[in-house]
Protein backbone atom coordinates (compact mmCIF):
# COMPACT_ATOMS: atom_id res chain seq x y z
CA MET A 1 -68.01 -28.29 37.87
CA PHE A 2 -68.42 -31.03 40.46
CA SER A 3 -66.30 -33.21 38.18
CA PHE A 4 -63.96 -30.39 37.30
CA GLU A 5 -63.02 -30.19 41.13
CA LEU A 6 -63.39 -34.15 41.76
CA GLY A 7 -60.90 -34.49 38.77
CA ALA A 8 -58.68 -31.63 40.57
CA LEU A 9 -58.70 -33.21 43.48
CA VAL A 10 -57.32 -36.31 41.97
CA ARG A 11 -54.13 -34.49 40.55
CA VAL A 12 -53.32 -32.68 43.70
CA LEU A 13 -53.17 -36.15 45.26
CA VAL A 14 -51.05 -37.74 42.91
CA ALA A 15 -48.88 -34.41 43.33
CA ALA A 16 -48.25 -34.87 46.38
CA PHE A 17 -47.40 -38.42 46.57
CA LEU A 18 -45.44 -37.75 44.57
CA GLY A 19 -43.68 -35.31 46.14
CA GLY A 20 -43.39 -36.88 49.23
CA LEU A 21 -41.79 -40.01 47.78
CA ILE A 22 -39.38 -37.43 47.27
CA GLY A 23 -39.70 -36.04 49.92
CA LEU A 24 -39.00 -38.45 52.09
CA GLU A 25 -35.67 -39.79 50.22
CA ARG A 26 -34.20 -36.27 51.54
CA GLN A 27 -35.91 -36.74 55.06
CA LEU A 28 -34.39 -40.22 55.37
CA ARG A 29 -30.74 -39.00 54.47
CA GLY A 30 -31.76 -35.95 56.98
CA ARG A 31 -32.12 -32.95 54.38
CA PRO A 32 -33.47 -29.73 56.23
CA ALA A 33 -35.77 -29.63 53.43
CA GLY A 34 -37.90 -33.01 53.60
CA LEU A 35 -40.78 -34.27 53.50
CA ARG A 36 -43.19 -32.11 53.38
CA THR A 37 -41.39 -29.62 51.88
CA HIS A 38 -41.52 -31.10 48.80
CA ILE A 39 -44.79 -32.30 48.98
CA LEU A 40 -46.18 -28.82 49.63
CA VAL A 41 -43.97 -27.44 47.65
CA CYS A 42 -45.80 -29.96 44.96
CA VAL A 43 -49.78 -29.70 45.39
CA GLY A 44 -48.83 -25.82 45.92
CA ALA A 45 -47.14 -26.27 41.63
CA ALA A 46 -50.27 -28.16 41.03
CA LEU A 47 -52.68 -26.09 42.52
CA ILE A 48 -51.13 -22.92 40.63
CA MET A 49 -51.50 -24.50 37.17
CA LEU A 50 -55.18 -25.37 38.17
CA VAL A 51 -55.95 -22.43 39.05
CA SER A 52 -55.47 -21.12 35.91
CA LYS A 53 -57.06 -23.50 34.26
CA SER A 54 -60.10 -22.58 35.51
CA LEU A 55 -59.61 -19.12 35.07
CA GLY A 56 -60.05 -19.52 31.46
CA GLU A 57 -58.31 -20.02 28.45
CA GLY A 58 -57.25 -16.73 27.19
CA LEU A 59 -55.25 -17.11 30.16
CA ASP A 60 -51.51 -18.07 29.20
CA PRO A 61 -50.11 -20.94 30.91
CA GLY A 62 -46.37 -19.10 30.28
CA ARG A 63 -46.64 -16.94 33.10
CA ALA A 64 -48.54 -18.80 35.81
CA ILE A 65 -44.81 -21.90 35.32
CA ALA A 66 -43.13 -18.02 35.28
CA GLY A 67 -44.41 -17.61 38.68
CA ILE A 68 -43.79 -20.68 40.14
CA VAL A 69 -39.89 -20.99 39.02
CA THR A 70 -38.87 -17.73 40.45
CA GLY A 71 -40.72 -18.29 43.97
CA ILE A 72 -39.40 -21.40 43.79
CA GLY A 73 -35.65 -20.00 43.45
CA PHE A 74 -36.27 -17.75 46.07
CA LEU A 75 -36.84 -21.50 48.30
CA GLY A 76 -33.93 -23.19 47.26
CA ALA A 77 -31.40 -20.53 47.82
CA GLY A 78 -32.81 -20.92 51.02
CA VAL A 79 -31.52 -24.36 51.68
CA VAL A 80 -27.93 -24.19 50.43
CA VAL A 81 -25.12 -23.05 52.36
CA LYS A 82 -21.83 -22.90 51.10
CA ALA A 83 -18.59 -22.65 53.74
CA ARG A 84 -15.36 -21.51 52.06
CA GLU A 85 -15.29 -24.11 48.93
CA ILE A 86 -17.34 -26.49 50.24
CA VAL A 87 -20.83 -26.23 49.68
CA ARG A 88 -23.78 -28.08 50.33
CA GLY A 89 -27.66 -28.24 50.19
CA LEU A 90 -27.33 -28.29 46.26
CA THR A 91 -28.75 -31.25 45.81
CA THR A 92 -32.24 -30.71 48.10
CA ALA A 93 -32.62 -26.98 46.27
CA ALA A 94 -32.58 -29.43 42.85
CA CYS A 95 -35.06 -31.57 44.64
CA ILE A 96 -37.56 -28.84 45.57
CA TRP A 97 -36.99 -27.14 41.87
CA PHE A 98 -37.58 -30.12 40.61
CA VAL A 99 -41.50 -31.50 42.29
CA ALA A 100 -42.14 -28.23 41.38
CA ALA A 101 -42.17 -28.78 37.93
CA LEU A 102 -43.56 -32.06 39.01
CA GLY A 103 -46.81 -30.60 40.35
CA ILE A 104 -46.96 -28.00 36.64
CA VAL A 105 -46.12 -31.86 35.34
CA VAL A 106 -49.31 -33.08 37.27
CA GLY A 107 -51.69 -30.71 37.18
CA GLN A 108 -51.56 -30.61 33.97
CA GLY A 109 -52.71 -33.98 34.35
CA LEU A 110 -49.50 -35.83 32.87
CA TYR A 111 -49.42 -38.68 34.68
CA VAL A 112 -47.40 -41.19 33.11
CA LEU A 113 -45.05 -38.51 32.39
CA ALA A 114 -45.09 -37.38 35.92
CA ALA A 115 -44.31 -40.99 37.09
CA GLY A 116 -41.29 -41.69 34.66
CA CYS A 117 -39.75 -38.62 36.11
CA THR A 118 -40.52 -39.89 39.79
CA ALA A 119 -39.13 -42.68 39.07
CA VAL A 120 -35.55 -41.17 37.29
CA ALA A 121 -35.72 -38.97 39.93
CA LEU A 122 -35.42 -42.22 42.51
CA VAL A 123 -32.08 -43.66 41.11
CA VAL A 124 -30.31 -40.79 40.54
CA LEU A 125 -31.37 -40.61 44.19
CA ILE A 126 -30.32 -43.42 45.63
CA LEU A 127 -28.00 -45.22 42.88
CA LEU A 128 -26.16 -43.06 41.93
CA ALA A 129 -25.45 -41.68 45.72
CA ARG A 130 -24.18 -45.01 46.67
CA MET A 131 -21.70 -44.63 42.97
CA GLU A 132 -20.18 -41.71 44.21
CA HIS A 133 -18.32 -43.45 46.96
CA TYR A 134 -16.56 -44.74 44.44
CA VAL A 135 -15.72 -41.86 42.23
CA PRO A 136 -12.53 -39.13 42.95
CA ALA A 137 -13.78 -35.92 44.60
CA VAL A 138 -12.57 -33.04 45.54
CA SER A 139 -11.66 -31.40 49.11
CA TYR A 140 -10.46 -28.73 51.07
CA HIS A 141 -8.96 -28.73 54.69
CA THR A 142 -6.57 -26.40 55.84
CA ALA A 143 -3.88 -27.70 58.78
CA HIS A 144 -3.06 -24.90 60.93
CA ILE A 145 0.44 -26.07 62.75
CA TYR A 146 2.37 -24.79 65.05
CA GLY A 147 5.97 -25.72 65.51
CA ARG A 148 9.23 -23.78 67.38
CA SER A 149 11.88 -23.09 64.60
CA VAL A 150 14.39 -21.09 63.98
CA GLU A 151 14.45 -21.91 60.22
CA PRO A 152 10.80 -21.11 59.34
CA ASN A 153 11.39 -21.67 55.84
CA ARG A 154 12.60 -24.80 55.71
CA LEU A 155 9.83 -25.88 58.63
CA ALA A 156 7.53 -24.47 55.54
CA GLN A 157 9.25 -27.32 53.12
CA GLN A 158 8.80 -29.93 55.25
CA CYS A 159 5.26 -29.48 55.79
CA GLN A 160 5.15 -28.73 51.67
CA GLN A 161 6.73 -32.15 51.07
CA VAL A 162 4.68 -34.59 53.43
CA PHE A 163 1.66 -32.80 51.60
CA SER A 164 2.34 -33.29 49.00
CA THR A 165 4.10 -37.11 49.51
CA ALA A 166 0.48 -37.94 50.66
CA ALA A 167 -0.80 -36.52 47.10
CA TYR A 168 -2.20 -33.58 48.50
CA ARG A 169 -2.10 -30.08 46.73
CA VAL A 170 -1.53 -26.70 48.72
CA MET A 171 -3.62 -23.87 47.36
CA GLY A 172 -2.44 -21.11 49.70
CA MET A 173 -0.18 -20.21 52.88
CA LYS A 174 -0.55 -18.16 55.79
CA ALA A 175 3.06 -17.84 57.99
CA THR A 176 2.99 -15.75 61.55
CA ILE A 177 6.55 -15.72 63.64
CA THR A 178 7.77 -14.45 66.66
CA ARG A 179 11.67 -14.35 66.52
CA ASP A 180 11.92 -14.59 70.44
CA ASP A 181 11.16 -17.61 71.25
CA GLU A 182 11.61 -18.88 68.07
CA ASP A 183 7.61 -19.81 67.54
CA THR A 184 5.84 -20.40 64.43
CA THR A 185 2.25 -20.67 62.71
CA LEU A 186 1.96 -22.03 59.03
CA VAL A 187 -1.79 -22.21 57.61
CA PHE A 188 -1.63 -24.55 54.65
CA ARG A 189 -4.90 -24.29 52.69
CA VAL A 190 -4.74 -27.61 50.63
CA ARG A 191 -6.96 -29.74 47.87
CA ALA A 192 -7.57 -33.58 47.27
CA ARG A 193 -8.46 -35.17 44.82
CA SER A 194 -8.98 -38.19 46.48
CA ARG A 195 -10.24 -40.00 49.79
CA PRO A 196 -8.21 -38.10 52.23
CA GLN A 197 -5.94 -39.15 54.60
CA SER A 198 -6.62 -37.18 56.96
CA LEU A 199 -5.01 -38.47 60.22
CA ARG A 200 -1.61 -40.15 58.05
CA THR A 201 -0.75 -36.55 56.81
CA ILE A 202 -1.36 -35.32 60.99
CA GLU A 203 1.06 -38.25 61.59
CA SER A 204 3.45 -37.11 59.57
CA LEU A 205 3.44 -33.65 60.14
CA LEU A 206 3.40 -34.26 63.37
CA ALA A 207 6.84 -36.49 62.92
CA ILE A 208 8.49 -33.25 61.43
CA PRO A 209 10.32 -32.42 64.71
CA GLU A 210 10.05 -28.94 65.58
CA VAL A 211 5.93 -29.78 64.80
CA VAL A 212 4.62 -29.11 68.19
CA ARG A 213 0.58 -29.28 67.50
CA VAL A 214 -1.29 -29.77 64.61
CA GLU A 215 -4.61 -28.36 64.55
CA TRP A 216 -6.64 -30.74 60.87
CA GLU A 217 -10.12 -28.62 59.50
């Protein structure tokens, strides 16, 4: 019994160390789930596997793994935030799922496999994150354009021409027109497939004589 507990303690410490490496990277990037969360998830998964193993050979380890995966699903969903088309927290959720799997591997005593997987994960999180800046990404923006025009259609066409020149694709438009004082409000939802030139586009929109104010999100 003493030898089993000593070996189990070693596995718990290894799980804490490897999970901490992933959590430290998340912590340094200011993510909501950081060092403590990843350590606890990894250690918790390892403990479940160790306890299930100590209960006897008749216990199916697949049930323990299924329980871990189900529980981690709720925890991972808590760090994902969606605002319109922008989704944040997916990488952190994936890291939480990964350290849970890491804890399972460590709980089975597969130290070499666990260390190798941790190294691969760190390469993905650190090196590939730097390469993402060189890969064109899709971004969505909302432009609120306030103008005074007796020809709202012409104003909308001029705005669309600015977006087209700046390599934005118009996904949708909403218009509010007040005929009495000729106030026109246009709301464009646009998409860019490269680094957006937001300030330059705003300046081009303000260069339209009928436009008096632009708000950009």
